[in-house]
Amino acid sequence: MAFLEAVLFSSLWSFGLGQLTLVQTEVSVTGTREKSIIMSCKVFSKDFSKDYIHWYRQKPDQGLEQLLFVLDAPALNDLGGKKNKLEARKDKPSSTSTLKISFLEKEDEATYYCAGCYYVKIFGDGIKLVVTDRRLDGDLFPKPTIFFPSVEEVKLHGAGTHLCLLQNFFPDAIKIQWKEKNVNTILESYQGNIIKTNDTYMKFSWLTLTKKAMDKEHVCIVKHENNKGGRDQQILFSPVKKEVDTHACMKKESDTLQLQFANTSAYYTYLLLLLKSMIYFSIIAFCVFWRTGIFSDGKIF
């Protein structure tokens, strides 16, 4: 009987996932104290007008907390004793539900999830709320530095590792994914810890490639609240063999340019010294002949 229940549950789960999908595209939302923010949830379903959209939150090291749900009219919640602290809405033309949080305070920091029900509860990916007192000026998007596999790694292991270092971003919520260029499949990658550096953060991620995959281009996709234009950064990594060859060519070209520069410098230095010698020679010759002309035979010419 337990086996049949498990099969039935799996079937309903798969069927539900096919009929209802909730997408929260924002990684994070940042707001300042006493202000308000709005986060959104795109719903793909058979009939959005009949869907109950629930909103949850989860604080670090705590369980999910249901906040409110909305069907037609806006739903309100006096969370923390503040009137209309939360407001959930549904926009039918865009099939989107929004959650507005007002009178922001540090205690509101959490990850907020939208959810719908189609036989089973289905959740979005979640949006992290960050509440801060700092001025959000300047370029706070992740600045990438990329590292290609070394020649020694490729020769020794027959594989290579692309590494993407992202620095000087705020807030700390960031999502990094890897894929092959022009292919939608997300590849298995590795994520380093987020490290705080003064008032900003840094993080690195790396992708290890097989010998066969090293011949292809790959892309590191960076999702962050402060990306320019609100678009994901797509950082291109060239094929490993091409990159190694390019570095080798660049080294040869660099050596040639340095040699040419050294030869040119030596040539002009020689000309300069020759010119100085000629000037000194002319001055000395003038002095010699001038003295000779004045004192020759005791007469002045």
Protein backbone atom coordinates (compact mmCIF):
# COMPACT_ATOMS: atom_id res chain seq x y z
CA MET A 1 0.00 0.00 0.00
CA ALA A 2 2.86 2.36 0.83
CA PHE A 3 4.37 1.67 -2.60
CA LEU A 4 1.11 2.57 -4.36
CA GLU A 5 0.85 5.77 -2.34
CA ALA A 6 4.39 6.69 -3.31
CA VAL A 7 3.67 6.08 -7.01
CA LEU A 8 0.45 8.12 -6.79
CA PHE A 9 2.24 10.99 -5.02
CA SER A 10 5.05 11.00 -7.62
CA SER A 11 2.51 11.08 -10.45
CA LEU A 12 0.59 13.96 -8.89
CA TRP A 13 3.86 15.81 -8.20
CA SER A 14 5.01 15.49 -11.82
CA PHE A 15 1.58 16.45 -13.11
CA GLY A 16 1.43 19.44 -10.80
CA LEU A 17 4.85 20.69 -11.86
CA GLY A 18 3.71 20.57 -15.47
CA GLN A 19 0.56 22.58 -14.73
CA LEU A 20 1.96 25.25 -12.39
CA THR A 21 5.32 27.01 -12.31
CA LEU A 22 6.35 30.01 -10.24
CA VAL A 23 9.38 32.07 -11.23
CA GLN A 24 11.12 34.63 -9.01
CA THR A 25 13.78 36.14 -11.25
CA GLU A 26 15.25 38.52 -8.67
CA VAL A 27 18.09 37.15 -6.57
CA SER A 28 17.66 39.87 -3.95
CA VAL A 29 15.91 43.16 -3.18
CA THR A 30 17.61 45.86 -1.09
CA GLY A 31 15.73 48.52 0.86
CA THR A 32 16.46 51.11 3.56
CA ARG A 33 14.86 51.37 6.98
CA GLU A 34 11.30 52.74 7.18
CA LYS A 35 10.95 52.57 3.39
CA SER A 36 9.12 49.94 1.34
CA ILE A 37 10.02 47.43 -1.36
CA ILE A 38 8.09 45.28 -3.83
CA MET A 39 9.07 41.81 -4.99
CA SER A 40 7.35 39.91 -7.78
CA CYS A 41 6.48 36.35 -8.76
CA LYS A 42 5.63 35.28 -12.31
CA VAL A 43 3.05 32.48 -12.43
CA PHE A 44 2.63 30.07 -15.32
CA SER A 45 -0.61 28.12 -14.92
CA LYS A 46 -3.74 26.97 -16.73
CA ASP A 47 -5.95 29.67 -15.15
CA PHE A 48 -4.13 32.30 -13.11
CA SER A 49 -7.38 33.97 -12.04
CA LYS A 50 -8.31 30.89 -9.99
CA ASP A 51 -4.90 30.38 -8.40
CA TYR A 52 -4.33 31.11 -4.73
CA ILE A 53 -0.85 32.59 -4.45
CA HIS A 54 0.76 32.19 -1.02
CA TRP A 55 3.70 34.13 0.35
CA TYR A 56 6.17 32.67 2.86
CA ARG A 57 9.38 33.82 4.44
CA GLN A 58 12.30 31.97 5.97
CA LYS A 59 14.83 33.55 8.28
CA PRO A 60 18.30 32.03 8.70
CA ASP A 61 18.23 28.80 10.71
CA GLN A 62 14.42 28.91 10.98
CA GLY A 63 11.53 27.12 9.29
CA LEU A 64 9.12 28.48 6.70
CA GLU A 65 6.59 31.01 7.99
CA GLN A 66 3.37 31.54 6.06
CA LEU A 67 2.52 35.23 5.78
CA LEU A 68 -0.64 35.59 3.67
CA PHE A 69 -2.31 34.48 0.44
CA VAL A 70 -4.19 36.30 -2.31
CA LEU A 71 -6.90 35.30 -4.79
CA ASP A 72 -8.76 38.39 -6.08
CA ALA A 73 -8.73 41.44 -3.81
CA PRO A 74 -5.41 42.58 -2.29
CA ALA A 75 -4.50 40.76 0.92
CA LEU A 76 -3.14 42.69 3.91
CA ASN A 77 -1.25 41.66 7.03
CA ASP A 78 -0.43 43.77 10.10
CA LEU A 79 2.82 41.96 10.70
CA GLY A 80 4.63 43.05 13.85
CA GLY A 81 1.73 45.24 14.90
CA LYS A 82 2.27 47.70 12.02
CA LYS A 83 -0.88 48.34 10.04
CA ASN A 84 -0.74 47.05 6.47
CA LYS A 85 2.86 46.00 6.88
CA LEU A 86 2.40 43.41 4.10
CA GLU A 87 0.29 43.67 0.96
CA ALA A 88 -0.06 40.91 -1.63
CA ARG A 89 -1.65 41.50 -5.03
CA LYS A 90 -2.36 39.68 -8.28
CA ASP A 91 -2.07 41.29 -11.69
CA LYS A 92 -4.08 39.09 -14.06
CA PRO A 93 -2.89 40.58 -17.40
CA SER A 94 0.74 39.76 -16.56
CA SER A 95 0.03 36.65 -14.47
CA THR A 96 2.17 38.15 -11.72
CA SER A 97 1.78 38.32 -7.96
CA THR A 98 3.57 40.99 -5.94
CA LEU A 99 4.40 41.36 -2.26
CA LYS A 100 4.91 44.83 -0.83
CA ILE A 101 6.70 45.16 2.50
CA SER A 102 6.47 48.56 4.22
CA PHE A 103 8.13 50.16 7.25
CA LEU A 104 11.28 48.13 6.66
CA GLU A 105 13.38 47.12 9.65
CA LYS A 106 16.34 44.84 10.15
CA GLU A 107 14.05 42.09 11.48
CA ASP A 108 12.43 41.82 8.03
CA GLU A 109 15.58 40.37 6.50
CA ALA A 110 14.76 36.89 5.22
CA THR A 111 14.20 34.93 2.03
CA TYR A 112 10.65 35.35 0.69
CA TYR A 113 8.94 32.65 -1.37
CA CYS A 114 5.80 32.67 -3.45
CA ALA A 115 3.90 29.40 -3.74
CA GLY A 116 0.88 27.90 -5.45
CA CYS A 117 -1.03 24.68 -5.04
CA TYR A 118 -1.86 22.13 -7.72
CA TYR A 119 -2.35 18.89 -5.77
CA VAL A 120 0.95 19.71 -4.05
CA LYS A 121 2.48 23.03 -2.93
CA ILE A 122 4.90 24.41 -5.51
CA PHE A 123 7.40 27.14 -4.59
CA GLY A 124 9.42 29.75 -6.43
CA ASP A 125 13.19 30.05 -6.00
CA GLY A 126 12.95 32.73 -3.32
CA ILE A 127 14.13 36.35 -3.07
CA LYS A 128 16.46 37.58 -0.35
CA LEU A 129 15.47 40.85 1.34
CA VAL A 130 18.37 43.03 2.55
CA VAL A 131 17.68 46.01 4.82
CA THR A 132 20.49 48.55 5.13
CA ASP A 133 21.29 52.05 6.36
CA ARG A 134 24.11 52.63 3.88
CA ARG A 135 23.81 54.78 0.79
CA LEU A 136 23.57 52.58 -2.25
CA ASP A 137 25.73 54.77 -4.47
CA GLY A 138 28.40 53.69 -6.92
CA ASP A 139 28.86 50.60 -9.03
CA LEU A 140 27.88 47.73 -6.76
CA PHE A 141 27.66 45.05 -9.43
CA PRO A 142 30.10 42.08 -9.42
CA LYS A 143 33.40 42.88 -11.16
CA PRO A 144 34.78 39.74 -12.82
CA THR A 145 38.36 38.56 -13.10
CA ILE A 146 38.81 35.38 -15.10
CA PHE A 147 41.50 32.69 -14.95
CA PHE A 148 42.15 30.06 -17.61
CA PRO A 149 43.68 26.62 -17.07
CA SER A 150 47.46 26.56 -16.88
CA VAL A 151 49.48 24.68 -19.48
CA GLU A 152 50.81 22.42 -16.71
CA GLU A 153 47.29 21.46 -15.57
CA VAL A 154 46.20 20.56 -19.10
CA LYS A 155 49.33 18.51 -19.74
CA LEU A 156 49.34 16.75 -16.38
CA HIS A 157 45.62 15.97 -15.94
CA GLY A 158 44.23 16.16 -19.46
CA ALA A 159 41.59 18.52 -18.08
CA GLY A 160 41.26 22.20 -17.35
CA THR A 161 39.59 24.52 -14.86
CA HIS A 162 37.96 27.86 -15.65
CA LEU A 163 37.76 30.15 -12.62
CA CYS A 164 35.63 33.28 -12.30
CA LEU A 165 36.39 35.67 -9.42
CA LEU A 166 33.70 38.28 -8.66
CA GLN A 167 34.53 41.23 -6.43
CA ASN A 168 33.23 44.48 -4.95
CA PHE A 169 29.50 43.74 -5.09
CA PHE A 170 26.62 44.50 -2.73
CA PRO A 171 24.43 42.94 -1.43
CA ASP A 172 25.87 39.48 -0.89
CA ALA A 173 23.06 37.61 -2.68
CA ILE A 174 24.48 36.31 -5.96
CA LYS A 175 23.85 33.35 -8.26
CA ILE A 176 26.55 31.94 -10.55
CA GLN A 177 25.91 29.31 -13.21
CA TRP A 178 27.94 27.83 -16.05
CA LYS A 179 26.92 26.53 -19.44
CA GLU A 180 28.37 25.78 -22.84
CA LYS A 181 27.93 28.67 -25.26
CA ASN A 182 24.66 28.45 -27.24
CA VAL A 183 23.48 25.52 -25.10
CA ASN A 184 20.82 26.01 -22.42
CA THR A 185 21.83 23.12 -20.15
CA ILE A 186 23.31 24.31 -16.85
CA LEU A 187 26.56 22.49 -16.04
CA GLU A 188 27.68 21.20 -12.68
CA SER A 189 30.11 23.71 -11.18
CA TYR A 190 31.68 24.56 -7.86
CA GLN A 191 31.01 27.57 -5.66
CA GLY A 192 33.33 29.21 -3.18
CA ASN A 193 32.13 30.92 -0.02
CA ILE A 194 31.02 34.55 -0.06
CA ILE A 195 33.69 36.67 1.63
CA LYS A 196 33.13 40.14 3.04
CA THR A 197 35.76 42.74 2.11
CA ASN A 198 35.15 46.06 3.89
CA ASP A 199 31.63 47.10 2.80
CA THR A 200 31.37 44.80 -0.21
CA TYR A 201 31.65 41.09 -1.00
CA MET A 202 33.60 38.70 -3.20
CA LYS A 203 32.98 35.16 -4.40
CA PHE A 204 34.53 32.75 -6.88
CA SER A 205 33.18 29.85 -8.90
CA TRP A 206 34.96 27.34 -11.10
CA LEU A 207 34.16 24.83 -13.82
CA THR A 208 36.30 21.76 -14.46
CA LEU A 209 36.31 20.62 -18.08
CA THR A 210 37.04 17.23 -19.58
CA LYS A 211 39.56 16.94 -22.38
CA LYS A 212 36.76 16.82 -24.95
CA ALA A 213 34.95 19.85 -23.50
CA MET A 214 38.09 22.01 -23.49
CA ASP A 215 37.70 22.66 -27.23
CA LYS A 216 34.37 24.47 -26.69
CA GLU A 217 33.46 27.96 -25.51
CA HIS A 218 31.80 28.29 -22.10
CA VAL A 219 29.90 31.05 -20.36
CA CYS A 220 29.81 32.06 -16.69
CA ILE A 221 26.36 33.57 -15.95
CA VAL A 222 26.16 35.97 -13.02
CA LYS A 223 22.80 36.99 -11.54
CA HIS A 224 22.87 39.98 -9.20
CA GLU A 225 20.53 42.75 -8.14
CA ASN A 226 22.87 45.54 -9.27
CA ASN A 227 23.94 44.20 -12.66
CA LYS A 228 23.96 46.98 -15.24
CA GLY A 229 20.67 47.24 -17.11
CA GLY A 230 19.17 44.58 -14.87
CA ARG A 231 20.60 41.89 -17.16
CA ASP A 232 22.63 38.83 -16.24
CA GLN A 233 26.35 39.12 -16.85
CA GLN A 234 27.57 36.56 -19.37
CA ILE A 235 31.33 36.11 -19.17
CA LEU A 236 32.81 34.23 -22.11
CA PHE A 237 35.64 31.71 -21.70
CA SER A 238 37.49 30.76 -24.87
CA PRO A 239 38.45 27.16 -25.72
CA VAL A 240 41.40 26.05 -23.61
CA LYS A 241 43.68 25.00 -26.48
CA LYS A 242 43.01 28.24 -28.31
CA GLU A 243 43.70 30.20 -25.14
CA VAL A 244 46.99 28.40 -24.56
CA ASP A 245 48.07 29.02 -28.16
CA THR A 246 47.01 32.65 -27.91
CA HIS A 247 49.07 33.13 -24.77
CA ALA A 248 52.06 31.52 -26.47
CA CYS A 249 51.68 33.80 -29.51
CA MET A 250 51.28 36.81 -27.26
CA LYS A 251 54.48 35.87 -25.45
CA LYS A 252 56.41 35.56 -28.72
CA GLU A 253 54.99 38.84 -29.98
CA SER A 254 55.80 40.49 -26.67
CA ASP A 255 59.40 39.25 -26.84
CA THR A 256 59.73 40.55 -30.40
CA LEU A 257 58.36 43.94 -29.46
CA GLN A 258 60.69 44.18 -26.47
CA LEU A 259 63.69 43.31 -28.66
CA GLN A 260 62.62 45.86 -31.27
CA PHE A 261 62.13 48.49 -28.58
CA ALA A 262 65.58 47.76 -27.14
CA ASN A 263 67.23 48.04 -30.58
CA THR A 264 65.41 51.27 -31.35
CA SER A 265 66.36 52.74 -27.97
CA ALA A 266 70.00 51.80 -28.47
CA TYR A 267 69.97 53.39 -31.95
CA TYR A 268 68.58 56.71 -30.75
CA THR A 269 70.86 56.71 -27.72
CA TYR A 270 73.83 56.30 -30.05
CA LEU A 271 72.61 59.19 -32.23
CA LEU A 272 72.16 61.39 -29.16
CA LEU A 273 75.66 60.64 -27.89
CA LEU A 274 77.09 61.26 -31.36
CA LEU A 275 75.27 64.60 -31.56
CA LYS A 276 76.57 65.63 -28.13
CA SER A 277 80.10 64.67 -29.16
CA MET A 278 79.82 66.77 -32.30
CA ILE A 279 78.57 69.76 -30.29
CA TYR A 280 81.42 69.43 -27.77
CA PHE A 281 83.93 69.08 -30.62
CA SER A 282 82.58 72.22 -32.31
CA ILE A 283 82.79 74.24 -29.09
CA ILE A 284 86.35 73.12 -28.37
CA ALA A 285 87.44 73.76 -31.95
CA PHE A 286 85.91 77.23 -31.88
CA CYS A 287 87.70 78.08 -28.63
CA VAL A 288 91.02 76.79 -29.94
CA PHE A 289 90.84 78.73 -33.20
CA TRP A 290 89.53 81.85 -31.44
CA ARG A 291 92.45 81.87 -29.00
CA THR A 292 94.86 81.19 -31.84
CA GLY A 293 93.47 84.10 -33.87
CA ILE A 294 93.75 86.57 -31.00
CA PHE A 295 97.19 85.78 -29.62
CA SER A 296 99.02 84.69 -32.75
CA ASP A 297 102.32 86.72 -32.96
CA GLY A 298 101.02 89.00 -30.23
CA LYS A 299 98.66 90.74 -32.63
CA ILE A 300 94.98 91.09 -32.65
CA PHE A 301 93.35 90.19 -35.91
